[in-house]
């Protein structure tokens, strides 16, 4: 089953918070996930098992560098890009 996901990583208590986020996104891509980075979250699509496996590996690596919070939303049947364009039209 293919799913759409939204994920945000919050490195807690770190002066430099951008490098862990950049590495997290790079890890997801290295695992073959197609992701689109937005202002407050990263959005992607993939097979359910592959998505969860990649998120687990990327989070484990991020958490090794210090405390981290990961927030994930997963949906099957999410709107297509065409549907989103129609819904977001002025």
N, C-alpha and C. Protein backbone atom coordinates (compact mmCIF):
# COMPACT_ATOMS: atom_id res chain seq x y z
N UNK A 1 0.85 -1.17 0.00
CA UNK A 1 0.00 0.00 0.00
C UNK A 1 0.89 1.24 0.00
N UNK A 2 0.62 2.17 -0.92
CA UNK A 2 1.33 3.43 -0.94
C UNK A 2 0.65 4.42 -0.01
N UNK A 3 1.47 5.24 0.65
CA UNK A 3 0.97 6.24 1.58
C UNK A 3 1.66 7.57 1.32
N UNK A 4 1.02 8.61 1.78
CA UNK A 4 1.64 9.93 1.85
C UNK A 4 1.96 10.17 3.31
N UNK A 5 3.11 10.81 3.55
CA UNK A 5 3.47 11.09 4.95
C UNK A 5 3.98 12.52 5.08
N UNK A 6 3.83 13.01 6.27
CA UNK A 6 4.38 14.31 6.65
C UNK A 6 5.19 14.07 7.91
N UNK A 7 6.42 14.57 7.94
CA UNK A 7 7.27 14.35 9.10
C UNK A 7 8.00 15.64 9.45
N UNK A 8 8.12 15.88 10.74
CA UNK A 8 8.90 17.00 11.26
C UNK A 8 9.83 16.46 12.33
N UNK A 9 11.08 16.89 12.28
CA UNK A 9 12.06 16.50 13.30
C UNK A 9 12.44 17.74 14.09
N UNK A 10 12.44 17.62 15.40
CA UNK A 10 12.80 18.71 16.28
C UNK A 10 13.96 18.28 17.17
N UNK A 11 15.20 18.67 16.83
CA UNK A 11 16.33 18.38 17.69
C UNK A 11 16.21 19.25 18.95
N UNK A 12 16.11 18.62 20.10
CA UNK A 12 15.82 19.34 21.34
C UNK A 12 17.13 19.68 22.07
N UNK A 13 17.21 20.90 22.54
CA UNK A 13 18.34 21.32 23.37
C UNK A 13 19.67 21.41 22.63
N UNK A 14 19.65 21.60 21.33
CA UNK A 14 20.89 21.70 20.56
C UNK A 14 21.03 23.12 20.02
N UNK A 15 22.21 23.67 20.19
CA UNK A 15 22.45 25.01 19.65
C UNK A 15 22.34 25.00 18.14
N UNK A 16 22.92 23.99 17.51
CA UNK A 16 22.86 23.85 16.05
C UNK A 16 21.76 22.86 15.72
N UNK A 17 20.61 23.35 15.31
CA UNK A 17 19.48 22.45 15.04
C UNK A 17 19.32 22.13 13.55
N UNK A 18 19.87 22.95 12.67
CA UNK A 18 19.69 22.70 11.24
C UNK A 18 20.48 21.51 10.72
N UNK A 19 21.74 21.29 11.13
CA UNK A 19 22.47 20.12 10.61
C UNK A 19 21.78 18.78 10.88
N UNK A 20 21.20 18.54 12.07
CA UNK A 20 20.51 17.27 12.27
C UNK A 20 19.27 17.12 11.38
N UNK A 21 18.58 18.23 11.11
CA UNK A 21 17.42 18.17 10.23
C UNK A 21 17.86 17.87 8.80
N UNK A 22 18.92 18.55 8.35
CA UNK A 22 19.46 18.28 7.01
C UNK A 22 19.88 16.82 6.87
N UNK A 23 20.55 16.28 7.89
CA UNK A 23 20.98 14.88 7.84
C UNK A 23 19.79 13.93 7.83
N UNK A 24 18.74 14.25 8.59
CA UNK A 24 17.52 13.45 8.64
C UNK A 24 16.89 13.37 7.25
N UNK A 25 16.78 14.50 6.57
CA UNK A 25 16.21 14.53 5.22
C UNK A 25 17.09 13.75 4.25
N UNK A 26 18.39 13.92 4.36
CA UNK A 26 19.32 13.18 3.50
C UNK A 26 19.19 11.68 3.73
N UNK A 27 18.99 11.26 4.97
CA UNK A 27 18.81 9.84 5.28
C UNK A 27 17.54 9.29 4.62
N UNK A 28 16.45 10.06 4.67
CA UNK A 28 15.21 9.61 4.03
C UNK A 28 15.42 9.43 2.53
N UNK A 29 16.10 10.39 1.92
CA UNK A 29 16.37 10.30 0.48
C UNK A 29 17.31 9.15 0.15
N UNK A 30 18.30 8.92 1.00
CA UNK A 30 19.24 7.82 0.78
C UNK A 30 18.53 6.48 0.83
N UNK A 31 17.44 6.41 1.57
CA UNK A 31 16.64 5.19 1.63
C UNK A 31 15.65 5.09 0.47
N UNK A 32 15.71 6.05 -0.45
CA UNK A 32 14.90 5.97 -1.65
C UNK A 32 13.54 6.63 -1.57
N UNK A 33 13.26 7.34 -0.49
CA UNK A 33 11.96 8.01 -0.40
C UNK A 33 11.98 9.31 -1.20
N UNK A 34 10.87 9.58 -1.85
CA UNK A 34 10.69 10.85 -2.56
C UNK A 34 10.11 11.85 -1.55
N UNK A 35 10.87 12.88 -1.25
CA UNK A 35 10.41 13.85 -0.26
C UNK A 35 10.49 15.26 -0.81
N UNK A 36 9.58 16.09 -0.33
CA UNK A 36 9.50 17.50 -0.70
C UNK A 36 9.60 18.29 0.61
N UNK A 37 10.66 19.07 0.74
CA UNK A 37 10.87 19.83 1.97
C UNK A 37 10.08 21.13 1.91
N UNK A 38 9.29 21.35 2.94
CA UNK A 38 8.49 22.57 3.07
C UNK A 38 9.01 23.38 4.26
N UNK A 39 8.37 24.49 4.54
CA UNK A 39 8.83 25.38 5.60
C UNK A 39 8.84 24.71 6.97
N UNK A 40 7.81 23.93 7.28
CA UNK A 40 7.68 23.36 8.63
C UNK A 40 7.62 21.85 8.67
N UNK A 41 7.66 21.20 7.51
CA UNK A 41 7.56 19.73 7.48
C UNK A 41 8.10 19.21 6.16
N UNK A 42 8.40 17.95 6.14
CA UNK A 42 8.82 17.26 4.93
C UNK A 42 7.70 16.31 4.55
N UNK A 43 7.31 16.34 3.28
CA UNK A 43 6.19 15.54 2.80
C UNK A 43 6.70 14.57 1.75
N UNK A 44 6.22 13.33 1.81
CA UNK A 44 6.67 12.34 0.84
C UNK A 44 5.65 11.26 0.59
N UNK A 45 6.01 10.38 -0.32
CA UNK A 45 5.17 9.23 -0.66
C UNK A 45 6.04 8.01 -0.75
N UNK A 46 5.42 6.86 -0.52
CA UNK A 46 6.14 5.60 -0.65
C UNK A 46 5.31 4.44 -0.15
N UNK A 47 5.88 3.27 -0.30
CA UNK A 47 5.22 2.07 0.21
C UNK A 47 5.27 2.10 1.74
N UNK A 48 4.17 1.70 2.36
CA UNK A 48 4.03 1.79 3.81
C UNK A 48 5.23 1.22 4.56
N UNK A 49 5.62 0.00 4.25
CA UNK A 49 6.73 -0.64 4.96
C UNK A 49 8.04 0.12 4.75
N UNK A 50 8.26 0.59 3.54
CA UNK A 50 9.49 1.34 3.24
C UNK A 50 9.51 2.67 3.98
N UNK A 51 8.37 3.33 4.05
CA UNK A 51 8.29 4.61 4.75
C UNK A 51 8.62 4.43 6.22
N UNK A 52 7.99 3.46 6.88
CA UNK A 52 8.25 3.27 8.31
C UNK A 52 9.67 2.82 8.57
N UNK A 53 10.22 1.97 7.72
CA UNK A 53 11.61 1.53 7.90
C UNK A 53 12.57 2.70 7.76
N UNK A 54 12.36 3.54 6.76
CA UNK A 54 13.24 4.70 6.55
C UNK A 54 13.11 5.70 7.69
N UNK A 55 11.87 5.95 8.15
CA UNK A 55 11.68 6.86 9.27
C UNK A 55 12.37 6.33 10.53
N UNK A 56 12.27 5.03 10.76
CA UNK A 56 12.92 4.45 11.94
C UNK A 56 14.43 4.63 11.88
N UNK A 57 15.04 4.33 10.74
CA UNK A 57 16.49 4.48 10.61
C UNK A 57 16.92 5.94 10.75
N UNK A 58 16.21 6.84 10.07
CA UNK A 58 16.58 8.25 10.13
C UNK A 58 16.41 8.82 11.54
N UNK A 59 15.35 8.42 12.22
CA UNK A 59 15.13 8.91 13.58
C UNK A 59 16.19 8.36 14.54
N UNK A 60 16.51 7.09 14.41
CA UNK A 60 17.52 6.49 15.28
C UNK A 60 18.85 7.23 15.14
N UNK A 61 19.21 7.56 13.92
CA UNK A 61 20.46 8.29 13.70
C UNK A 61 20.38 9.69 14.32
N UNK A 62 19.25 10.38 14.12
CA UNK A 62 19.08 11.72 14.68
C UNK A 62 19.14 11.70 16.20
N UNK A 63 18.55 10.68 16.81
CA UNK A 63 18.51 10.59 18.27
C UNK A 63 19.87 10.23 18.87
N UNK A 64 20.75 9.64 18.08
CA UNK A 64 22.10 9.35 18.59
C UNK A 64 22.87 10.63 18.87
N UNK A 65 22.53 11.71 18.14
CA UNK A 65 23.23 12.97 18.32
C UNK A 65 22.68 13.82 19.45
N UNK A 66 21.64 13.37 20.10
CA UNK A 66 21.02 14.12 21.19
C UNK A 66 19.52 13.91 21.17
N UNK A 67 18.85 14.56 22.08
CA UNK A 67 17.40 14.39 22.15
C UNK A 67 16.74 14.91 20.89
N UNK A 68 15.68 14.22 20.46
CA UNK A 68 14.97 14.61 19.26
C UNK A 68 13.51 14.17 19.35
N UNK A 69 12.64 15.00 18.83
CA UNK A 69 11.22 14.69 18.74
C UNK A 69 10.88 14.58 17.26
N UNK A 70 10.15 13.52 16.89
CA UNK A 70 9.69 13.34 15.52
C UNK A 70 8.18 13.24 15.54
N UNK A 71 7.54 14.06 14.70
CA UNK A 71 6.09 14.05 14.56
C UNK A 71 5.77 13.58 13.15
N UNK A 72 4.92 12.53 13.04
CA UNK A 72 4.64 11.92 11.74
C UNK A 72 3.12 11.79 11.55
N UNK A 73 2.67 12.10 10.35
CA UNK A 73 1.30 11.84 9.93
C UNK A 73 1.38 10.96 8.69
N UNK A 74 0.63 9.86 8.67
CA UNK A 74 0.62 8.95 7.53
C UNK A 74 -0.82 8.80 7.05
N UNK A 75 -1.00 8.87 5.72
CA UNK A 75 -2.36 8.76 5.17
C UNK A 75 -2.35 7.94 3.90
N UNK A 76 -3.32 7.06 3.80
CA UNK A 76 -3.58 6.40 2.52
C UNK A 76 -4.71 7.18 1.86
N UNK A 77 -4.73 7.24 0.56
CA UNK A 77 -5.79 7.95 -0.13
C UNK A 77 -5.71 9.46 -0.02
N UNK A 78 -4.50 9.98 0.17
CA UNK A 78 -4.34 11.43 0.25
C UNK A 78 -4.63 12.06 -1.10
N UNK A 79 -5.00 13.33 -1.12
CA UNK A 79 -5.29 13.99 -2.39
C UNK A 79 -4.10 13.97 -3.34
N UNK A 80 -4.38 13.89 -4.63
CA UNK A 80 -3.33 13.95 -5.64
C UNK A 80 -2.90 15.40 -5.82
N UNK A 81 -1.82 15.62 -6.56
CA UNK A 81 -1.37 16.98 -6.83
C UNK A 81 -2.44 17.78 -7.57
N UNK A 82 -3.15 17.14 -8.50
CA UNK A 82 -4.23 17.83 -9.22
C UNK A 82 -5.36 18.22 -8.28
N UNK A 83 -5.72 17.32 -7.38
CA UNK A 83 -6.78 17.64 -6.40
C UNK A 83 -6.34 18.77 -5.48
N UNK A 84 -5.07 18.74 -5.06
CA UNK A 84 -4.56 19.81 -4.20
C UNK A 84 -4.57 21.15 -4.92
N UNK A 85 -4.18 21.15 -6.19
CA UNK A 85 -4.20 22.39 -6.97
C UNK A 85 -5.62 22.95 -7.05
N UNK A 86 -6.60 22.08 -7.25
CA UNK A 86 -7.99 22.53 -7.30
C UNK A 86 -8.43 23.06 -5.94
N UNK A 87 -8.08 22.37 -4.88
CA UNK A 87 -8.49 22.78 -3.53
C UNK A 87 -7.83 24.08 -3.10
N UNK A 88 -6.62 24.35 -3.60
CA UNK A 88 -5.88 25.54 -3.20
C UNK A 88 -6.03 26.70 -4.18
N UNK A 89 -6.83 26.52 -5.20
CA UNK A 89 -7.04 27.60 -6.18
C UNK A 89 -7.75 28.78 -5.51
N UNK A 90 -7.40 29.99 -5.94
CA UNK A 90 -8.05 31.18 -5.32
C UNK A 90 -9.52 31.26 -5.62
